[in-house]
N, C-alpha and C. Protein backbone atom coordinates (compact mmCIF):
# COMPACT_ATOMS: atom_id res chain seq x y z
N MET A 1 0.88 -1.42 -0.01
CA MET A 1 0.10 -0.06 -0.11
C MET A 1 1.06 1.41 -0.02
N ARG A 2 1.72 1.47 0.73
CA ARG A 2 2.57 2.53 1.02
C ARG A 2 3.33 2.49 -0.45
N ARG A 3 3.96 1.55 -1.09
CA ARG A 3 4.95 1.35 -2.05
C ARG A 3 4.37 2.35 -3.36
N PRO A 4 3.08 2.23 -3.51
CA PRO A 4 2.40 3.03 -4.67
C PRO A 4 2.25 4.44 -4.40
N LEU A 5 1.96 4.95 -3.09
CA LEU A 5 2.18 5.94 -2.64
C LEU A 5 3.50 6.85 -2.78
N TYR A 6 4.66 5.98 -2.55
CA TYR A 6 5.91 6.51 -2.64
C TYR A 6 6.41 6.69 -3.93
N LEU A 7 5.94 5.67 -4.78
CA LEU A 7 6.40 5.84 -6.15
C LEU A 7 5.72 7.12 -6.80
N MET A 8 4.45 7.47 -6.28
CA MET A 8 3.79 8.50 -7.15
C MET A 8 4.20 9.86 -6.60
N VAL A 9 4.55 9.73 -5.38
CA VAL A 9 5.09 11.07 -4.86
C VAL A 9 6.57 11.32 -5.48
N ILE A 10 7.56 10.49 -6.10
CA ILE A 10 8.65 10.46 -6.55
C ILE A 10 8.62 11.04 -7.97
N VAL A 11 7.45 10.35 -8.80
CA VAL A 11 7.16 10.88 -10.08
C VAL A 11 6.56 12.15 -10.09
N LEU A 12 5.99 12.63 -9.20
CA LEU A 12 5.51 13.90 -9.11
C LEU A 12 6.59 15.22 -8.86
N LEU A 13 7.31 14.81 -8.00
CA LEU A 13 8.54 15.65 -7.45
C LEU A 13 9.76 15.61 -9.00
N THR A 14 9.83 14.51 -9.59
CA THR A 14 10.60 14.68 -10.61
C THR A 14 10.13 15.24 -12.08
N SER A 15 9.00 15.07 -11.91
CA SER A 15 8.40 15.55 -13.28
C SER A 15 8.08 17.19 -13.04
N ALA A 16 8.06 17.79 -11.86
CA ALA A 16 8.07 19.29 -11.55
C ALA A 16 9.39 19.84 -11.95
N ALA A 17 10.46 18.87 -11.51
CA ALA A 17 11.96 19.82 -11.72
C ALA A 17 12.59 19.65 -13.02
N GLY A 18 11.81 18.68 -14.09
CA GLY A 18 12.30 18.37 -15.37
C GLY A 18 12.36 19.58 -15.96
N PRO A 19 12.85 19.45 -17.30
CA PRO A 19 13.30 20.60 -18.09
C PRO A 19 11.93 21.35 -18.76
N THR A 20 10.90 20.38 -18.82
CA THR A 20 9.61 21.11 -19.32
C THR A 20 8.67 21.71 -18.23
N ALA A 21 9.13 21.99 -16.87
CA ALA A 21 8.69 22.71 -15.94
C ALA A 21 8.72 24.23 -16.28
N GLU A 22 7.80 25.06 -16.24
CA GLU A 22 7.61 26.47 -16.36
C GLU A 22 8.53 26.99 -15.66
N PRO A 23 9.39 28.17 -15.84
CA PRO A 23 10.13 28.93 -15.10
C PRO A 23 9.48 29.56 -13.60
N VAL A 24 9.94 30.01 -12.65
CA VAL A 24 9.29 30.26 -11.44
C VAL A 24 9.23 32.00 -11.64
N PRO A 25 8.19 32.56 -11.74
CA PRO A 25 8.66 34.09 -11.91
C PRO A 25 9.30 34.80 -10.94
N ARG A 26 9.99 35.63 -11.11
CA ARG A 26 10.74 36.57 -10.17
C ARG A 26 9.80 37.50 -9.53
N ILE A 27 9.65 37.78 -8.23
CA ILE A 27 9.02 38.80 -7.81
C ILE A 27 9.91 40.17 -7.49
N ILE A 28 9.58 41.05 -8.03
CA ILE A 28 10.32 42.37 -7.85
C ILE A 28 9.47 43.24 -7.10
N ASP A 29 10.18 43.84 -5.93
CA ASP A 29 9.34 44.51 -4.71
C ASP A 29 9.58 45.88 -5.65
N ALA A 30 8.78 46.33 -6.33
CA ALA A 30 8.72 48.02 -6.60
C ALA A 30 8.08 49.05 -6.16
N THR A 31 8.89 49.51 -5.10
CA THR A 31 8.26 50.28 -4.30
C THR A 31 9.47 51.42 -4.16
N PRO A 32 9.00 52.68 -4.06
CA PRO A 32 10.04 54.06 -3.61
C PRO A 32 11.02 53.64 -2.76
N GLU A 33 10.65 53.11 -1.66
CA GLU A 33 11.42 52.51 -0.66
C GLU A 33 12.65 51.77 -1.02
N TYR A 34 12.28 50.45 -1.75
CA TYR A 34 13.01 49.70 -2.26
C TYR A 34 14.27 50.31 -3.07
N CYS A 35 13.81 51.24 -4.26
CA CYS A 35 14.67 52.30 -5.08
C CYS A 35 15.76 52.84 -4.31
N ARG A 36 15.16 53.48 -3.25
CA ARG A 36 16.12 54.18 -2.47
C ARG A 36 17.13 53.26 -2.01
N SER A 37 16.59 52.25 -1.32
CA SER A 37 17.45 51.35 -0.39
C SER A 37 18.67 50.69 -1.54
N LEU A 38 17.95 50.44 -2.96
CA LEU A 38 19.41 49.73 -3.90
C LEU A 38 20.20 51.16 -4.21
N ALA A 39 19.64 52.16 -4.38
CA ALA A 39 20.67 53.56 -4.56
C ALA A 39 21.56 53.81 -3.64
N GLY A 40 21.13 53.34 -2.15
CA GLY A 40 22.30 53.44 -1.13
C GLY A 40 23.14 52.59 -1.21
N ARG A 41 22.80 51.54 -1.42
CA ARG A 41 23.58 49.91 -1.28
C ARG A 41 24.64 50.64 -2.56
N LEU A 42 24.11 50.65 -3.77
CA LEU A 42 25.02 51.36 -4.64
C LEU A 42 26.01 52.24 -4.49
N ALA A 43 25.66 53.43 -3.67
CA ALA A 43 26.31 54.39 -3.45
C ALA A 43 27.80 54.11 -2.47
N MET A 44 27.20 53.24 -1.68
CA MET A 44 28.25 52.48 -0.93
C MET A 44 29.64 51.71 -1.21
N LEU A 45 29.53 51.40 -2.67
CA LEU A 45 30.35 50.62 -3.32
C LEU A 45 31.50 51.68 -4.21
N PRO A 46 32.82 51.10 -3.72
CA PRO A 46 33.74 51.94 -4.65
C PRO A 46 33.67 52.10 -6.04
N ALA A 47 33.11 50.60 -6.53
CA ALA A 47 33.05 50.63 -8.12
C ALA A 47 31.88 51.35 -8.52
N ALA A 48 30.88 51.94 -7.72
CA ALA A 48 29.80 52.74 -8.48
C ALA A 48 30.07 53.89 -9.05
N ARG A 49 31.24 54.28 -8.96
CA ARG A 49 31.62 55.41 -9.91
C ARG A 49 32.19 55.32 -11.02
N LEU A 50 32.70 53.96 -11.54
CA LEU A 50 33.02 53.41 -12.80
C LEU A 50 31.77 53.13 -13.76
N GLU A 51 32.27 52.96 -14.83
CA GLU A 51 31.23 52.53 -15.72
C GLU A 51 31.22 51.24 -15.73
N PRO A 52 30.20 50.51 -16.26
CA PRO A 52 28.81 51.00 -16.49
C PRO A 52 27.78 51.10 -15.00
N SER A 53 28.61 50.65 -13.77
CA SER A 53 27.38 51.04 -12.99
C SER A 53 27.23 52.40 -12.63
N ARG A 54 27.92 53.36 -13.01
CA ARG A 54 27.24 54.92 -12.49
C ARG A 54 26.26 55.05 -13.70
N SER A 55 26.10 54.84 -14.76
CA SER A 55 25.21 55.31 -15.76
C SER A 55 24.16 54.41 -15.47
N LEU A 56 24.09 53.24 -15.09
CA LEU A 56 23.08 52.40 -14.85
C LEU A 56 22.32 53.11 -13.66
N GLY A 57 23.03 53.28 -12.45
CA GLY A 57 22.71 53.79 -11.40
C GLY A 57 21.72 55.09 -11.74
N GLU A 58 22.47 55.89 -12.42
CA GLU A 58 21.66 57.20 -12.72
C GLU A 58 20.61 57.17 -13.47
N GLN A 59 20.50 56.09 -14.52
CA GLN A 59 19.12 55.78 -15.05
C GLN A 59 18.08 55.22 -14.18
N GLY A 60 18.44 54.37 -13.46
CA GLY A 60 17.79 53.71 -12.40
C GLY A 60 16.74 54.55 -11.31
N VAL A 61 17.81 55.59 -10.72
CA VAL A 61 17.27 56.59 -9.87
C VAL A 61 16.20 57.36 -10.89
N LYS A 62 16.67 57.65 -11.89
CA LYS A 62 15.76 58.70 -12.68
C LYS A 62 14.40 57.93 -12.96
N MET A 63 14.36 56.74 -13.42
CA MET A 63 13.37 55.87 -13.62
C MET A 63 12.38 55.96 -12.40
N CYS A 64 12.98 55.58 -11.30
CA CYS A 64 12.03 55.68 -10.14
C CYS A 64 11.62 56.56 -9.72
N ASP A 65 12.33 57.89 -9.72
CA ASP A 65 11.83 59.31 -9.55
C ASP A 65 10.62 59.72 -10.49
N GLU A 66 10.56 58.77 -11.75
CA GLU A 66 9.32 59.20 -12.75
C GLU A 66 8.41 58.55 -12.68
N GLY A 67 8.34 57.42 -11.58
CA GLY A 67 7.52 56.71 -11.37
C GLY A 67 7.44 55.25 -12.10
N HIS A 68 8.69 54.73 -12.67
CA HIS A 68 8.96 53.69 -13.57
C HIS A 68 9.74 52.94 -12.63
N LEU A 69 9.10 52.27 -11.61
CA LEU A 69 9.71 51.46 -10.59
C LEU A 69 10.17 50.29 -11.02
N ARG A 70 9.35 49.28 -11.89
CA ARG A 70 10.17 48.17 -12.09
C ARG A 70 11.46 48.41 -13.24
N ILE A 71 11.11 49.21 -13.79
CA ILE A 71 12.41 49.41 -14.79
C ILE A 71 13.92 50.09 -13.76
N GLY A 72 13.26 51.13 -12.88
CA GLY A 72 14.30 51.62 -12.19
C GLY A 72 14.90 50.81 -11.36
N VAL A 73 14.24 49.52 -10.53
CA VAL A 73 14.70 48.54 -9.94
C VAL A 73 15.34 47.64 -10.42
N ALA A 74 15.00 47.26 -11.78
CA ALA A 74 15.89 46.49 -12.84
C ALA A 74 17.43 47.03 -13.12
N LYS A 75 17.40 48.37 -13.11
CA LYS A 75 18.53 49.03 -13.82
C LYS A 75 19.50 49.21 -12.58
N LEU A 76 19.06 49.32 -11.18
CA LEU A 76 19.85 49.50 -10.01
C LEU A 76 20.26 48.28 -9.60
N ARG A 77 19.55 46.86 -9.87
CA ARG A 77 20.17 45.84 -9.55
C ARG A 77 21.15 45.49 -10.63
N ARG A 78 21.11 45.95 -11.91
CA ARG A 78 22.30 45.75 -12.92
C ARG A 78 23.59 46.36 -12.49
N ALA A 79 23.15 47.68 -12.05
CA ALA A 79 24.21 48.49 -11.51
C ALA A 79 24.91 47.89 -10.45
N LEU A 80 24.32 47.40 -9.43
CA LEU A 80 25.05 46.69 -8.07
C LEU A 80 25.64 45.34 -8.71
N ARG A 81 25.01 44.55 -9.48
CA ARG A 81 25.96 43.48 -10.10
C ARG A 81 27.26 43.97 -10.92
N ALA A 82 27.14 44.84 -11.63
CA ALA A 82 28.51 45.40 -12.13
C ALA A 82 29.25 46.06 -11.39
N ALA A 83 28.88 46.79 -10.09
CA ALA A 83 29.83 47.37 -9.00
C ALA A 83 30.45 46.45 -8.49
N GLN A 84 29.71 44.98 -8.27
CA GLN A 84 30.00 44.08 -7.51
C GLN A 84 31.11 42.73 -7.94
N GLU A 85 31.13 43.00 -9.28
CA GLU A 85 31.94 41.99 -10.11
C GLU A 85 33.46 42.38 -10.01
N PRO A 86 34.18 41.40 -9.81
CA PRO A 86 35.56 41.89 -9.86
C PRO A 86 36.02 42.25 -11.05
N ARG A 87 37.11 43.24 -11.24
CA ARG A 87 37.51 43.98 -12.18
C ARG A 87 38.16 42.76 -13.23
N SER A 88 38.01 42.96 -14.69
CA SER A 88 38.44 42.11 -15.59
C SER A 88 39.71 42.71 -15.88
N SER A 89 40.48 41.52 -16.57
CA SER A 89 41.98 41.63 -16.94
C SER A 89 42.09 42.87 -18.06
N ALA A 90 41.19 43.10 -18.59
CA ALA A 90 41.15 44.42 -19.61
C ALA A 90 41.18 45.83 -19.07
N SER A 91 40.84 45.55 -17.54
CA SER A 91 41.10 47.18 -17.01
C SER A 91 42.54 47.01 -16.30
N VAL A 92 43.20 46.13 -16.51
CA VAL A 92 44.78 46.42 -15.99
C VAL A 92 45.31 47.18 -16.83
N PRO A 93 46.00 48.03 -16.33
CA PRO A 93 46.72 49.16 -17.28
C PRO A 93 47.92 48.20 -17.55
N GLU A 94 48.37 48.66 -19.03
CA GLU A 94 49.57 48.02 -19.85
C GLU A 94 50.60 48.56 -19.08
N PRO A 95 51.75 47.66 -19.18
CA PRO A 95 52.99 47.80 -18.65
C PRO A 95 53.96 49.32 -19.11
N GLN A 96 54.37 50.14 -18.94
CA GLN A 96 55.20 51.23 -19.21
C GLN A 96 55.97 50.85 -20.30
N ALA A 97 56.53 51.73 -21.45
CA ALA A 97 56.99 51.71 -22.22
C ALA A 97 58.43 51.17 -21.78
N GLY A 98 59.40 50.32 -22.21
CA GLY A 98 60.63 49.98 -21.86
C GLY A 98 60.67 49.05 -20.94
N THR A 99 59.59 48.67 -20.45
CA THR A 99 59.61 47.48 -19.44
C THR A 99 58.77 46.23 -20.22
N ARG A 100 59.02 45.12 -19.59
CA ARG A 100 58.85 44.14 -20.12
C ARG A 100 57.90 43.32 -19.19
N SER A 101 56.86 42.77 -19.82
CA SER A 101 56.09 41.73 -19.01
C SER A 101 56.42 40.03 -19.49
N PHE A 102 56.19 38.83 -18.51
CA PHE A 102 56.05 37.89 -19.05
C PHE A 102 55.06 37.26 -18.16
N THR A 103 54.75 36.09 -18.67
CA THR A 103 53.66 34.89 -18.07
C THR A 103 54.46 33.34 -18.04
N ARG A 104 53.81 33.15 -16.93
CA ARG A 104 54.50 31.44 -17.01
C ARG A 104 53.56 30.47 -17.47
């Protein structure tokens, strides 16, 4: 008696986690307070003054101020992600003329 119930539970759990399952919708807390919170968090990061974080943050604040909260929140979140990412090797300055660099 327990075995069929156990098998049914397994089938239900595995079918819900399969590739055909619909994606879970993301909930965005689109309020002016949340916009200010994200802008404050962004302002605390040193990389917030660098591109693309700076322009994304400015656009996000502007959109929130104009009442486009979802778009503003999305831009502020993108700015936060960009400011938190480690700097890429492309941003490392080139060696000065007359010096050699080598890799191992």
